[in-house]
Amino acid sequence: MVQPEIAWQRIREAARKIDAGIDPDEPSHLGFATMDQLLGVLTPNRWKLIQTLHKAGPISIRALAKLLERDYRGVHADVVKLMEYDLVTRNAAKRVFVPWDKITAEISAVSNETGEAA
């Protein structure tokens, strides 16, 4: 079940998209040129952060650090990096949350236009 605060955040986000002339049902896209870049952003610690934050709902970074049993500075740096890619968002109350429920990945074994394998 989606928490009410998250539901309202999603409704506001959809309304902003509609106002901007964007279809709110169009999935967001995030691309990486290489698998190394993808894994550089979605490290094991950041993936655990995303899963914990998704389950917890909107919370402060300090509270998230306590849930993860990690240093505040490291969690803050990870949240900032994930926010650069819109994988984590901050609401009006300055709480961070995960604005999506799943990631669908498409990974090619071909690394360049000549067809050389990665």
PDB file of N, CA and C in Angstrom:
ATOM      1  N   MET A   1       0.846  -1.186   0.000  1.00  0.00           N
ATOM      2  CA  MET A   1       0.000   0.000   0.000  1.00  0.00           C
ATOM      3  C   MET A   1       0.886   1.241   0.000  1.00  0.00           C
ATOM      4  N   VAL A   2       0.555   2.194  -0.835  1.00  0.00           N
ATOM      5  CA  VAL A   2       1.319   3.433  -0.939  1.00  0.00           C
ATOM      6  C   VAL A   2       0.901   4.368   0.193  1.00  0.00           C
ATOM      7  N   GLN A   3       1.897   4.959   0.846  1.00  0.00           N
ATOM      8  CA  GLN A   3       1.623   5.897   1.919  1.00  0.00           C
ATOM      9  C   GLN A   3       0.975   7.157   1.345  1.00  0.00           C
ATOM     10  N   PRO A   4       0.024   7.770   2.074  1.00  0.00           N
ATOM     11  CA  PRO A   4      -0.686   8.946   1.554  1.00  0.00           C
ATOM     12  C   PRO A   4       0.235  10.079   1.105  1.00  0.00           C
ATOM     13  N   GLU A   5       1.301  10.348   1.855  1.00  0.00           N
ATOM     14  CA  GLU A   5       2.207  11.438   1.478  1.00  0.00           C
ATOM     15  C   GLU A   5       2.876  11.151   0.131  1.00  0.00           C
ATOM     16  N   ILE A   6       3.241   9.905  -0.103  1.00  0.00           N
ATOM     17  CA  ILE A   6       3.856   9.526  -1.377  1.00  0.00           C
ATOM     18  C   ILE A   6       2.826   9.637  -2.496  1.00  0.00           C
ATOM     19  N   ALA A   7       1.609   9.195  -2.238  1.00  0.00           N
ATOM     20  CA  ALA A   7       0.554   9.283  -3.250  1.00  0.00           C
ATOM     21  C   ALA A   7       0.319  10.741  -3.656  1.00  0.00           C
ATOM     22  N   TRP A   8       0.232  11.642  -2.675  1.00  0.00           N
ATOM     23  CA  TRP A   8       0.020  13.056  -2.993  1.00  0.00           C
ATOM     24  C   TRP A   8       1.208  13.639  -3.744  1.00  0.00           C
ATOM     25  N   GLN A   9       2.423  13.220  -3.381  1.00  0.00           N
ATOM     26  CA  GLN A   9       3.616  13.694  -4.095  1.00  0.00           C
ATOM     27  C   GLN A   9       3.542  13.263  -5.550  1.00  0.00           C
ATOM     28  N   ARG A  10       3.130  12.027  -5.798  1.00  0.00           N
ATOM     29  CA  ARG A  10       3.014  11.526  -7.174  1.00  0.00           C
ATOM     30  C   ARG A  10       1.934  12.266  -7.947  1.00  0.00           C
ATOM     31  N   ILE A  11       0.834  12.594  -7.277  1.00  0.00           N
ATOM     32  CA  ILE A  11      -0.245  13.345  -7.924  1.00  0.00           C
ATOM     33  C   ILE A  11       0.256  14.739  -8.313  1.00  0.00           C
ATOM     34  N   ARG A  12       0.985  15.399  -7.391  1.00  0.00           N
ATOM     35  CA  ARG A  12       1.523  16.731  -7.691  1.00  0.00           C
ATOM     36  C   ARG A  12       2.529  16.654  -8.846  1.00  0.00           C
ATOM     37  N   GLU A  13       3.363  15.608  -8.849  1.00  0.00           N
ATOM     38  CA  GLU A  13       4.340  15.443  -9.924  1.00  0.00           C
ATOM     39  C   GLU A  13       3.637  15.224 -11.268  1.00  0.00           C
ATOM     40  N   ALA A  14       2.580  14.422 -11.273  1.00  0.00           N
ATOM     41  CA  ALA A  14       1.815  14.188 -12.502  1.00  0.00           C
ATOM     42  C   ALA A  14       1.168  15.492 -12.979  1.00  0.00           C
ATOM     43  N   ALA A  15       0.655  16.290 -12.054  1.00  0.00           N
ATOM     44  CA  ALA A  15       0.041  17.568 -12.421  1.00  0.00           C
ATOM     45  C   ALA A  15       1.072  18.514 -13.034  1.00  0.00           C
ATOM     46  N   ARG A  16       2.285  18.531 -12.475  1.00  0.00           N
ATOM     47  CA  ARG A  16       3.341  19.381 -13.049  1.00  0.00           C
ATOM     48  C   ARG A  16       3.673  18.938 -14.470  1.00  0.00           C
ATOM     49  N   LYS A  17       3.711  17.627 -14.700  1.00  0.00           N
ATOM     50  CA  LYS A  17       3.991  17.111 -16.036  1.00  0.00           C
ATOM     51  C   LYS A  17       2.890  17.514 -17.010  1.00  0.00           C
ATOM     52  N   ILE A  18       1.654  17.402 -16.584  1.00  0.00           N
ATOM     53  CA  ILE A  18       0.524  17.785 -17.432  1.00  0.00           C
ATOM     54  C   ILE A  18       0.614  19.266 -17.773  1.00  0.00           C
ATOM     55  N   ASP A  19       0.910  20.099 -16.759  1.00  0.00           N
ATOM     56  CA  ASP A  19       1.052  21.545 -16.993  1.00  0.00           C
ATOM     57  C   ASP A  19       2.173  21.842 -17.984  1.00  0.00           C
ATOM     58  N   ALA A  20       3.209  20.998 -17.995  1.00  0.00           N
ATOM     59  CA  ALA A  20       4.350  21.200 -18.900  1.00  0.00           C
ATOM     60  C   ALA A  20       4.116  20.546 -20.260  1.00  0.00           C
ATOM     61  N   GLY A  21       2.942  19.930 -20.447  1.00  0.00           N
ATOM     62  CA  GLY A  21       2.629  19.295 -21.720  1.00  0.00           C
ATOM     63  C   GLY A  21       3.255  17.924 -21.888  1.00  0.00           C
ATOM     64  N   ILE A  22       3.627  17.294 -20.789  1.00  0.00           N
ATOM     65  CA  ILE A  22       4.244  15.962 -20.822  1.00  0.00           C
ATOM     66  C   ILE A  22       3.217  14.931 -20.365  1.00  0.00           C
ATOM     67  N   ASP A  23       3.165  13.804 -21.048  1.00  0.00           N
ATOM     68  CA  ASP A  23       2.268  12.718 -20.661  1.00  0.00           C
ATOM     69  C   ASP A  23       2.760  12.119 -19.344  1.00  0.00           C
ATOM     70  N   PRO A  24       1.965  12.210 -18.258  1.00  0.00           N
ATOM     71  CA  PRO A  24       2.432  11.706 -16.959  1.00  0.00           C
ATOM     72  C   PRO A  24       2.590  10.187 -16.922  1.00  0.00           C
ATOM     73  N   ASP A  25       1.970   9.486 -17.865  1.00  0.00           N
ATOM     74  CA  ASP A  25       2.095   8.032 -17.899  1.00  0.00           C
ATOM     75  C   ASP A  25       3.321   7.572 -18.685  1.00  0.00           C
ATOM     76  N   GLU A  26       3.969   8.519 -19.359  1.00  0.00           N
ATOM     77  CA  GLU A  26       5.192   8.184 -20.097  1.00  0.00           C
ATOM     78  C   GLU A  26       6.287   7.869 -19.093  1.00  0.00           C
ATOM     79  N   PRO A  27       6.882   6.703 -19.187  1.00  0.00           N
ATOM     80  CA  PRO A  27       7.918   6.355 -18.206  1.00  0.00           C
ATOM     81  C   PRO A  27       9.148   7.249 -18.357  1.00  0.00           C
ATOM     82  N   SER A  28       9.793   7.497 -17.246  1.00  0.00           N
ATOM     83  CA  SER A  28      11.040   8.253 -17.277  1.00  0.00           C
ATOM     84  C   SER A  28      12.131   7.355 -17.828  1.00  0.00           C
ATOM     85  N   HIS A  29      13.112   7.974 -18.460  1.00  0.00           N
ATOM     86  CA  HIS A  29      14.221   7.216 -19.024  1.00  0.00           C
ATOM     87  C   HIS A  29      15.524   7.742 -18.453  1.00  0.00           C
ATOM     88  N   LEU A  30      16.398   6.836 -18.156  1.00  0.00           N
ATOM     89  CA  LEU A  30      17.712   7.168 -17.646  1.00  0.00           C
ATOM     90  C   LEU A  30      18.691   6.277 -18.378  1.00  0.00           C
ATOM     91  N   GLY A  31      19.683   6.855 -19.007  1.00  0.00           N
ATOM     92  CA  GLY A  31      20.605   6.063 -19.801  1.00  0.00           C
ATOM     93  C   GLY A  31      22.041   6.169 -19.321  1.00  0.00           C
ATOM     94  N   PHE A  32      22.769   5.095 -19.479  1.00  0.00           N
ATOM     95  CA  PHE A  32      24.187   5.045 -19.164  1.00  0.00           C
ATOM     96  C   PHE A  32      24.899   4.470 -20.377  1.00  0.00           C
ATOM     97  N   ALA A  33      26.043   5.042 -20.713  1.00  0.00           N
ATOM     98  CA  ALA A  33      26.796   4.600 -21.891  1.00  0.00           C
ATOM     99  C   ALA A  33      27.425   3.232 -21.685  1.00  0.00           C
ATOM    100  N   THR A  34      27.777   2.929 -20.447  1.00  0.00           N
ATOM    101  CA  THR A  34      28.425   1.644 -20.174  1.00  0.00           C
ATOM    102  C   THR A  34      27.858   1.019 -18.906  1.00  0.00           C
ATOM    103  N   MET A  35      28.072  -0.270 -18.781  1.00  0.00           N
ATOM    104  CA  MET A  35      27.670  -0.973 -17.566  1.00  0.00           C
ATOM    105  C   MET A  35      28.447  -0.432 -16.364  1.00  0.00           C
ATOM    106  N   ASP A  36      29.704  -0.070 -16.572  1.00  0.00           N
ATOM    107  CA  ASP A  36      30.505   0.492 -15.483  1.00  0.00           C
ATOM    108  C   ASP A  36      29.885   1.775 -14.944  1.00  0.00           C
ATOM    109  N   GLN A  37      29.344   2.623 -15.827  1.00  0.00           N
ATOM    110  CA  GLN A  37      28.685   3.848 -15.376  1.00  0.00           C
ATOM    111  C   GLN A  37      27.430   3.522 -14.567  1.00  0.00           C
ATOM    112  N   LEU A  38      26.650   2.575 -15.052  1.00  0.00           N
ATOM    113  CA  LEU A  38      25.449   2.159 -14.322  1.00  0.00           C
ATOM    114  C   LEU A  38      25.810   1.667 -12.929  1.00  0.00           C
ATOM    115  N   LEU A  39      26.790   0.769 -12.861  1.00  0.00           N
ATOM    116  CA  LEU A  39      27.182   0.203 -11.573  1.00  0.00           C
ATOM    117  C   LEU A  39      27.906   1.218 -10.695  1.00  0.00           C
ATOM    118  N   GLY A  40      28.446   2.275 -11.304  1.00  0.00           N
ATOM    119  CA  GLY A  40      29.050   3.352 -10.530  1.00  0.00           C
ATOM    120  C   GLY A  40      28.007   4.200  -9.815  1.00  0.00           C
ATOM    121  N   VAL A  41      26.816   4.280 -10.385  1.00  0.00           N
ATOM    122  CA  VAL A  41      25.723   5.019  -9.754  1.00  0.00           C
ATOM    123  C   VAL A  41      24.938   4.107  -8.811  1.00  0.00           C
ATOM    124  N   LEU A  42      24.581   2.940  -9.289  1.00  0.00           N
ATOM    125  CA  LEU A  42      23.794   2.006  -8.470  1.00  0.00           C
ATOM    126  C   LEU A  42      24.717   0.995  -7.785  1.00  0.00           C
ATOM    127  N   THR A  43      25.506   1.508  -6.852  1.00  0.00           N
ATOM    128  CA  THR A  43      26.391   0.653  -6.074  1.00  0.00           C
ATOM    129  C   THR A  43      25.555  -0.198  -5.118  1.00  0.00           C
ATOM    130  N   PRO A  44      26.118  -1.265  -4.566  1.00  0.00           N
ATOM    131  CA  PRO A  44      25.354  -2.069  -3.595  1.00  0.00           C
ATOM    132  C   PRO A  44      24.823  -1.233  -2.423  1.00  0.00           C
ATOM    133  N   ASN A  45      25.645  -0.313  -1.880  1.00  0.00           N
ATOM    134  CA  ASN A  45      25.169   0.534  -0.777  1.00  0.00           C
ATOM    135  C   ASN A  45      24.020   1.432  -1.213  1.00  0.00           C
ATOM    136  N   ARG A  46      24.108   1.989  -2.408  1.00  0.00           N
ATOM    137  CA  ARG A  46      23.025   2.871  -2.889  1.00  0.00           C
ATOM    138  C   ARG A  46      21.767   2.080  -3.194  1.00  0.00           C
ATOM    139  N   TRP A  47      21.912   0.863  -3.700  1.00  0.00           N
ATOM    140  CA  TRP A  47      20.729   0.042  -3.962  1.00  0.00           C
ATOM    141  C   TRP A  47      20.033  -0.306  -2.649  1.00  0.00           C
ATOM    142  N   LYS A  48      20.809  -0.637  -1.610  1.00  0.00           N
ATOM    143  CA  LYS A  48      20.221  -0.910  -0.296  1.00  0.00           C
ATOM    144  C   LYS A  48      19.539   0.353   0.233  1.00  0.00           C
ATOM    145  N   LEU A  49      20.158   1.503   0.029  1.00  0.00           N
ATOM    146  CA  LEU A  49      19.563   2.781   0.436  1.00  0.00           C
ATOM    147  C   LEU A  49      18.215   2.972  -0.253  1.00  0.00           C
ATOM    148  N   ILE A  50      18.166   2.733  -1.564  1.00  0.00           N
ATOM    149  CA  ILE A  50      16.925   2.886  -2.322  1.00  0.00           C
ATOM    150  C   ILE A  50      15.851   1.953  -1.775  1.00  0.00           C
ATOM    151  N   GLN A  51      16.191   0.701  -1.547  1.00  0.00           N
ATOM    152  CA  GLN A  51      15.209  -0.264  -1.040  1.00  0.00           C
ATOM    153  C   GLN A  51      14.709   0.135   0.350  1.00  0.00           C
ATOM    154  N   THR A  52      15.624   0.557   1.214  1.00  0.00           N
ATOM    155  CA  THR A  52      15.241   0.964   2.572  1.00  0.00           C
ATOM    156  C   THR A  52      14.365   2.203   2.537  1.00  0.00           C
ATOM    157  N   LEU A  53      14.737   3.173   1.715  1.00  0.00           N
ATOM    158  CA  LEU A  53      13.977   4.415   1.605  1.00  0.00           C
ATOM    159  C   LEU A  53      12.602   4.162   1.004  1.00  0.00           C
ATOM    160  N   HIS A  54      12.520   3.299   0.016  1.00  0.00           N
ATOM    161  CA  HIS A  54      11.220   2.983  -0.597  1.00  0.00           C
ATOM    162  C   HIS A  54      10.288   2.393   0.450  1.00  0.00           C
ATOM    163  N   LYS A  55      10.809   1.505   1.267  1.00  0.00           N
ATOM    164  CA  LYS A  55       9.995   0.862   2.307  1.00  0.00           C
ATOM    165  C   LYS A  55       9.598   1.857   3.399  1.00  0.00           C
ATOM    166  N   ALA A  56      10.520   2.747   3.776  1.00  0.00           N
ATOM    167  CA  ALA A  56      10.277   3.684   4.874  1.00  0.00           C
ATOM    168  C   ALA A  56       9.362   4.839   4.482  1.00  0.00           C
ATOM    169  N   GLY A  57       9.404   5.234   3.225  1.00  0.00           N
ATOM    170  CA  GLY A  57       8.663   6.422   2.812  1.00  0.00           C
ATOM    171  C   GLY A  57       9.464   7.666   3.133  1.00  0.00           C
ATOM    172  N   PRO A  58       8.877   8.853   2.951  1.00  0.00           N
ATOM    173  CA  PRO A  58       9.614  10.102   3.141  1.00  0.00           C
ATOM    174  C   PRO A  58      10.170  10.250   4.557  1.00  0.00           C
ATOM    175  N   ILE A  59      11.495  10.391   4.647  1.00  0.00           N
ATOM    176  CA  ILE A  59      12.156  10.585   5.935  1.00  0.00           C
ATOM    177  C   ILE A  59      13.357  11.504   5.732  1.00  0.00           C
ATOM    178  N   SER A  60      13.922  11.936   6.844  1.00  0.00           N
ATOM    179  CA  SER A  60      15.122  12.770   6.782  1.00  0.00           C
ATOM    180  C   SER A  60      16.327  11.891   6.445  1.00  0.00           C
ATOM    181  N   ILE A  61      17.366  12.514   5.950  1.00  0.00           N
ATOM    182  CA  ILE A  61      18.590  11.769   5.638  1.00  0.00           C
ATOM    183  C   ILE A  61      19.194  11.207   6.929  1.00  0.00           C
ATOM    184  N   ARG A  62      19.112  11.954   8.001  1.00  0.00           N
ATOM    185  CA  ARG A  62      19.642  11.476   9.286  1.00  0.00           C
ATOM    186  C   ARG A  62      18.898  10.210   9.732  1.00  0.00           C
ATOM    187  N   ALA A  63      17.573  10.216   9.604  1.00  0.00           N
ATOM    188  CA  ALA A  63      16.789   9.030   9.983  1.00  0.00           C
ATOM    189  C   ALA A  63      17.124   7.864   9.058  1.00  0.00           C
ATOM    190  N   LEU A  64      17.339   8.149   7.787  1.00  0.00           N
ATOM    191  CA  LEU A  64      17.715   7.112   6.836  1.00  0.00           C
ATOM    192  C   LEU A  64      19.066   6.511   7.211  1.00  0.00           C
ATOM    193  N   ALA A  65      20.018   7.368   7.585  1.00  0.00           N
ATOM    194  CA  ALA A  65      21.339   6.889   7.999  1.00  0.00           C
ATOM    195  C   ALA A  65      21.213   5.957   9.204  1.00  0.00           C
ATOM    196  N   LYS A  66      20.337   6.293  10.137  1.00  0.00           N
ATOM    197  CA  LYS A  66      20.129   5.418  11.306  1.00  0.00           C
ATOM    198  C   LYS A  66      19.536   4.082  10.890  1.00  0.00           C
ATOM    199  N   LEU A  67      18.558   4.118   9.981  1.00  0.00           N
ATOM    200  CA  LEU A  67      17.966   2.858   9.500  1.00  0.00           C
ATOM    201  C   LEU A  67      19.001   1.971   8.823  1.00  0.00           C
ATOM    202  N   LEU A  68      19.898   2.611   8.075  1.00  0.00           N
ATOM    203  CA  LEU A  68      20.927   1.866   7.344  1.00  0.00           C
ATOM    204  C   LEU A  68      22.130   1.510   8.221  1.00  0.00           C
ATOM    205  N   GLU A  69      22.166   2.103   9.425  1.00  0.00           N
ATOM    206  CA  GLU A  69      23.301   1.924  10.336  1.00  0.00           C
ATOM    207  C   GLU A  69      24.602   2.338   9.652  1.00  0.00           C
ATOM    208  N   ARG A  70      24.527   3.530   9.001  1.00  0.00           N
ATOM    209  CA  ARG A  70      25.675   4.085   8.285  1.00  0.00           C
ATOM    210  C   ARG A  70      25.925   5.510   8.751  1.00  0.00           C
ATOM    211  N   ASP A  71      27.110   6.008   8.462  1.00  0.00           N
ATOM    212  CA  ASP A  71      27.493   7.376   8.766  1.00  0.00           C
ATOM    213  C   ASP A  71      26.634   8.354   7.965  1.00  0.00           C
ATOM    214  N   TYR A  72      26.215   9.446   8.618  1.00  0.00           N
ATOM    215  CA  TYR A  72      25.373  10.451   7.960  1.00  0.00           C
ATOM    216  C   TYR A  72      26.018  10.989   6.693  1.00  0.00           C
ATOM    217  N   ARG A  73      27.310  11.305   6.743  1.00  0.00           N
ATOM    218  CA  ARG A  73      27.987  11.907   5.585  1.00  0.00           C
ATOM    219  C   ARG A  73      27.931  10.994   4.362  1.00  0.00           C
ATOM    220  N   GLY A  74      28.164   9.707   4.570  1.00  0.00           N
ATOM    221  CA  GLY A  74      28.125   8.763   3.458  1.00  0.00           C
ATOM    222  C   GLY A  74      26.730   8.640   2.870  1.00  0.00           C
ATOM    223  N   VAL A  75      25.727   8.572   3.741  1.00  0.00           N
ATOM    224  CA  VAL A  75      24.339   8.478   3.272  1.00  0.00           C
ATOM    225  C   VAL A  75      23.952   9.762   2.548  1.00  0.00           C
ATOM    226  N   HIS A  76      24.334  10.903   3.091  1.00  0.00           N
ATOM    227  CA  HIS A  76      24.033  12.178   2.445  1.00  0.00           C
ATOM    228  C   HIS A  76      24.654  12.229   1.047  1.00  0.00           C
ATOM    229  N   ALA A  77      25.907  11.836   0.933  1.00  0.00           N
ATOM    230  CA  ALA A  77      26.582  11.842  -0.374  1.00  0.00           C
ATOM    231  C   ALA A  77      25.870  10.905  -1.353  1.00  0.00           C
ATOM    232  N   ASP A  78      25.443   9.737  -0.873  1.00  0.00           N
ATOM    233  CA  ASP A  78      24.730   8.805  -1.743  1.00  0.00           C
ATOM    234  C   ASP A  78      23.377   9.373  -2.174  1.00  0.00           C
ATOM    235  N   VAL A  79      22.657  10.004  -1.260  1.00  0.00           N
ATOM    236  CA  VAL A  79      21.360  10.602  -1.596  1.00  0.00           C
ATOM    237  C   VAL A  79      21.550  11.699  -2.638  1.00  0.00           C
ATOM    238  N   VAL A  80      22.552  12.537  -2.455  1.00  0.00           N
ATOM    239  CA  VAL A  80      22.818  13.616  -3.423  1.00  0.00           C
ATOM    240  C   VAL A  80      23.099  13.021  -4.801  1.00  0.00           C
ATOM    241  N   LYS A  81      23.916  11.987  -4.863  1.00  0.00           N
ATOM    242  CA  LYS A  81      24.230  11.346  -6.146  1.00  0.00           C
ATOM    243  C   LYS A  81      22.964  10.758  -6.768  1.00  0.00           C
ATOM    244  N   LEU A  82      22.138  10.082  -5.989  1.00  0.00           N
ATOM    245  CA  LEU A  82      20.910   9.485  -6.520  1.00  0.00           C
ATOM    246  C   LEU A  82      19.906  10.556  -6.945  1.00  0.00           C
ATOM    247  N   MET A  83      19.915  11.702  -6.280  1.00  0.00           N
ATOM    248  CA  MET A  83      19.028  12.794  -6.677  1.00  0.00           C
ATOM    249  C   MET A  83      19.458  13.380  -8.016  1.00  0.00           C
ATOM    250  N   GLU A  84      20.752  13.353  -8.327  1.00  0.00           N
ATOM    251  CA  GLU A  84      21.233  13.834  -9.623  1.00  0.00           C
ATOM    252  C   GLU A  84      20.602  13.048 -10.769  1.00  0.00           C
ATOM    253  N   TYR A  85      20.244  11.802 -10.513  1.00  0.00           N
ATOM    254  CA  TYR A  85      19.659  10.929 -11.532  1.00  0.00           C
ATOM    255  C   TYR A  85      18.153  10.745 -11.337  1.00  0.00           C
ATOM    256  N   ASP A  86      17.548  11.536 -10.451  1.00  0.00           N
ATOM    257  CA  ASP A  86      16.108  11.462 -10.137  1.00  0.00           C
ATOM    258  C   ASP A  86      15.693  10.091  -9.620  1.00  0.00           C
ATOM    259  N   LEU A  87      16.609   9.379  -9.013  1.00  0.00           N
ATOM    260  CA  LEU A  87      16.274   8.096  -8.409  1.00  0.00           C
ATOM    261  C   LEU A  87      15.755   8.281  -6.991  1.00  0.00           C
ATOM    262  N   VAL A  88      16.067   9.427  -6.398  1.00  0.00           N
ATOM    263  CA  VAL A  88      15.565   9.847  -5.089  1.00  0.00           C
ATOM    264  C   VAL A  88      15.136  11.294  -5.243  1.00  0.00           C
ATOM    265  N   THR A  89      14.073  11.667  -4.553  1.00  0.00           N
ATOM    266  CA  THR A  89      13.504  13.013  -4.635  1.00  0.00           C
ATOM    267  C   THR A  89      13.309  13.557  -3.226  1.00  0.00           C
ATOM    268  N   ARG A  90      13.248  14.884  -3.123  1.00  0.00           N
ATOM    269  CA  ARG A  90      12.981  15.539  -1.840  1.00  0.00           C
ATOM    270  C   ARG A  90      11.612  16.214  -1.942  1.00  0.00           C
ATOM    271  N   ASN A  91      10.801  16.069  -0.901  1.00  0.00           N
ATOM    272  CA  ASN A  91       9.478  16.695  -0.920  1.00  0.00           C
ATOM    273  C   ASN A  91       9.522  18.087  -0.291  1.00  0.00           C
ATOM    274  N   ALA A  92       8.369  18.742  -0.214  1.00  0.00           N
ATOM    275  CA  ALA A  92       8.294  20.108   0.312  1.00  0.00           C
ATOM    276  C   ALA A  92       8.735  20.183   1.773  1.00  0.00           C
ATOM    277  N   ALA A  93       8.588  19.078   2.511  1.00  0.00           N
ATOM    278  CA  ALA A  93       8.990  19.034   3.917  1.00  0.00           C
ATOM    279  C   ALA A  93      10.473  18.679   4.073  1.00  0.00           C
ATOM    280  N   LYS A  94      11.205  18.645   2.943  1.00  0.00           N
ATOM    281  CA  LYS A  94      12.643  18.341   2.917  1.00  0.00           C
ATOM    282  C   LYS A  94      12.949  16.888   3.287  1.00  0.00           C
ATOM    283  N   ARG A  95      11.954  16.020   3.153  1.00  0.00           N
ATOM    284  CA  ARG A  95      12.155  14.588   3.379  1.00  0.00           C
ATOM    285  C   ARG A  95      12.489  13.946   2.039  1.00  0.00           C
ATOM    286  N   VAL A  96      13.340  12.946   2.052  1.00  0.00           N
ATOM    287  CA  VAL A  96      13.698  12.255   0.816  1.00  0.00           C
ATOM    288  C   VAL A  96      12.837  11.006   0.670  1.00  0.00           C
ATOM    289  N   PHE A  97      12.582  10.634  -0.586  1.00  0.00           N
ATOM    290  CA  PHE A  97      11.784   9.438  -0.855  1.00  0.00           C
ATOM    291  C   PHE A  97      12.095   8.935  -2.256  1.00  0.00           C
ATOM    292  N   VAL A  98      11.663   7.720  -2.528  1.00  0.00           N
ATOM    293  CA  VAL A  98      11.827   7.111  -3.847  1.00  0.00           C
ATOM    294  C   VAL A  98      10.510   7.292  -4.590  1.00  0.00           C
ATOM    295  N   PRO A  99      10.509   8.022  -5.733  1.00  0.00           N
ATOM    296  CA  PRO A  99       9.260   8.358  -6.417  1.00  0.00           C
ATOM    297  C   PRO A  99       8.785   7.317  -7.427  1.00  0.00           C
ATOM    298  N   TRP A 100       9.273   6.117  -7.351  1.00  0.00           N
ATOM    299  CA  TRP A 100       8.915   5.089  -8.328  1.00  0.00           C
ATOM    300  C   TRP A 100       8.881   3.740  -7.624  1.00  0.00           C
ATOM    301  N   ASP A 101       8.296   2.746  -8.286  1.00  0.00           N
ATOM    302  CA  ASP A 101       8.173   1.415  -7.689  1.00  0.00           C
ATOM    303  C   ASP A 101       9.076   0.367  -8.316  1.00  0.00           C
ATOM    304  N   LYS A 102       9.519   0.586  -9.561  1.00  0.00           N
ATOM    305  CA  LYS A 102      10.383  -0.409 -10.184  1.00  0.00           C
ATOM    306  C   LYS A 102      11.268   0.236 -11.242  1.00  0.00           C
ATOM    307  N   ILE A 103      12.351  -0.472 -11.532  1.00  0.00           N
ATOM    308  CA  ILE A 103      13.268  -0.078 -12.600  1.00  0.00           C
ATOM    309  C   ILE A 103      13.279  -1.215 -13.613  1.00  0.00           C
ATOM    310  N   THR A 104      13.132  -0.866 -14.866  1.00  0.00           N
ATOM    311  CA  THR A 104      13.252  -1.844 -15.940  1.00  0.00           C
ATOM    312  C   THR A 104      14.522  -1.504 -16.704  1.00  0.00           C
ATOM    313  N   ALA A 105      15.421  -2.474 -16.794  1.00  0.00           N
ATOM    314  CA  ALA A 105      16.708  -2.226 -17.448  1.00  0.00           C
ATOM    315  C   ALA A 105      16.777  -2.960 -18.782  1.00  0.00           C
ATOM    316  N   GLU A 106      17.369  -2.288 -19.731  1.00  0.00           N
ATOM    317  CA  GLU A 106      17.657  -2.884 -21.028  1.00  0.00           C
ATOM    318  C   GLU A 106      19.153  -2.750 -21.235  1.00  0.00           C
ATOM    319  N   ILE A 107      19.834  -3.875 -21.333  1.00  0.00           N
ATOM    320  CA  ILE A 107      21.289  -3.872 -21.418  1.00  0.00           C
ATOM    321  C   ILE A 107      21.710  -4.578 -22.699  1.00  0.00           C
ATOM    322  N   SER A 108      22.526  -3.904 -23.476  1.00  0.00           N
ATOM    323  CA  SER A 108      23.002  -4.465 -24.733  1.00  0.00           C
ATOM    324  C   SER A 108      24.372  -5.090 -24.540  1.00  0.00           C
ATOM    325  N   ALA A 109      24.593  -6.221 -25.179  1.00  0.00           N
ATOM    326  CA  ALA A 109      25.909  -6.857 -25.143  1.00  0.00           C
ATOM    327  C   ALA A 109      26.842  -6.226 -26.157  1.00  0.00           C
ATOM    328  N   VAL A 110      26.311  -5.395 -27.053  1.00  0.00           N
ATOM    329  CA  VAL A 110      27.104  -4.730 -28.070  1.00  0.00           C
ATOM    330  C   VAL A 110      27.555  -3.388 -27.530  1.00  0.00           C
ATOM    331  N   SER A 111      28.855  -3.117 -27.587  1.00  0.00           N
ATOM    332  CA  SER A 111      29.364  -1.907 -26.971  1.00  0.00           C
ATOM    333  C   SER A 111      29.527  -0.731 -27.906  1.00  0.00           C
ATOM    334  N   ASN A 112      29.555  -0.972 -29.233  1.00  0.00           N
ATOM    335  CA  ASN A 112      29.724   0.164 -30.143  1.00  0.00           C
ATOM    336  C   ASN A 112      29.086  -0.136 -31.490  1.00  0.00           C
ATOM    337  N   GLU A 113      29.161   0.818 -32.389  1.00  0.00           N
ATOM    338  CA  GLU A 113      28.487   0.719 -33.680  1.00  0.00           C
ATOM    339  C   GLU A 113      29.073  -0.357 -34.578  1.00  0.00           C
ATOM    340  N   THR A 114      30.294  -0.792 -34.353  1.00  0.00           N
ATOM    341  CA  THR A 114      30.910  -1.816 -35.206  1.00  0.00           C
ATOM    342  C   THR A 114      30.474  -3.218 -34.813  1.00  0.00           C
ATOM    343  N   GLY A 115      29.738  -3.314 -33.690  1.00  0.00           N
ATOM    344  CA  GLY A 115      29.238  -4.612 -33.262  1.00  0.00           C
ATOM    345  C   GLY A 115      30.188  -5.400 -32.409  1.00  0.00           C
ATOM    346  N   GLU A 116      31.275  -4.771 -31.960  1.00  0.00           N
ATOM    347  CA  GLU A 116      32.198  -5.462 -31.090  1.00  0.00           C
ATOM    348  C   GLU A 116      31.553  -5.692 -29.740  1.00  0.00           C
ATOM    349  N   ALA A 117      31.702  -6.880 -29.219  1.00  0.00           N
ATOM    350  CA  ALA A 117      31.111  -7.215 -27.917  1.00  0.00           C
ATOM    351  C   ALA A 117      31.821  -6.454 -26.804  1.00  0.00           C
ATOM    352  N   ALA A 118      31.062  -6.207 -25.764  1.00  0.00           N
ATOM    353  CA  ALA A 118      31.614  -5.483 -24.608  1.00  0.00           C
ATOM    354  C   ALA A 118      32.643  -6.308 -23.880  1.00  0.00           C
TER     355      ALA A 118
END
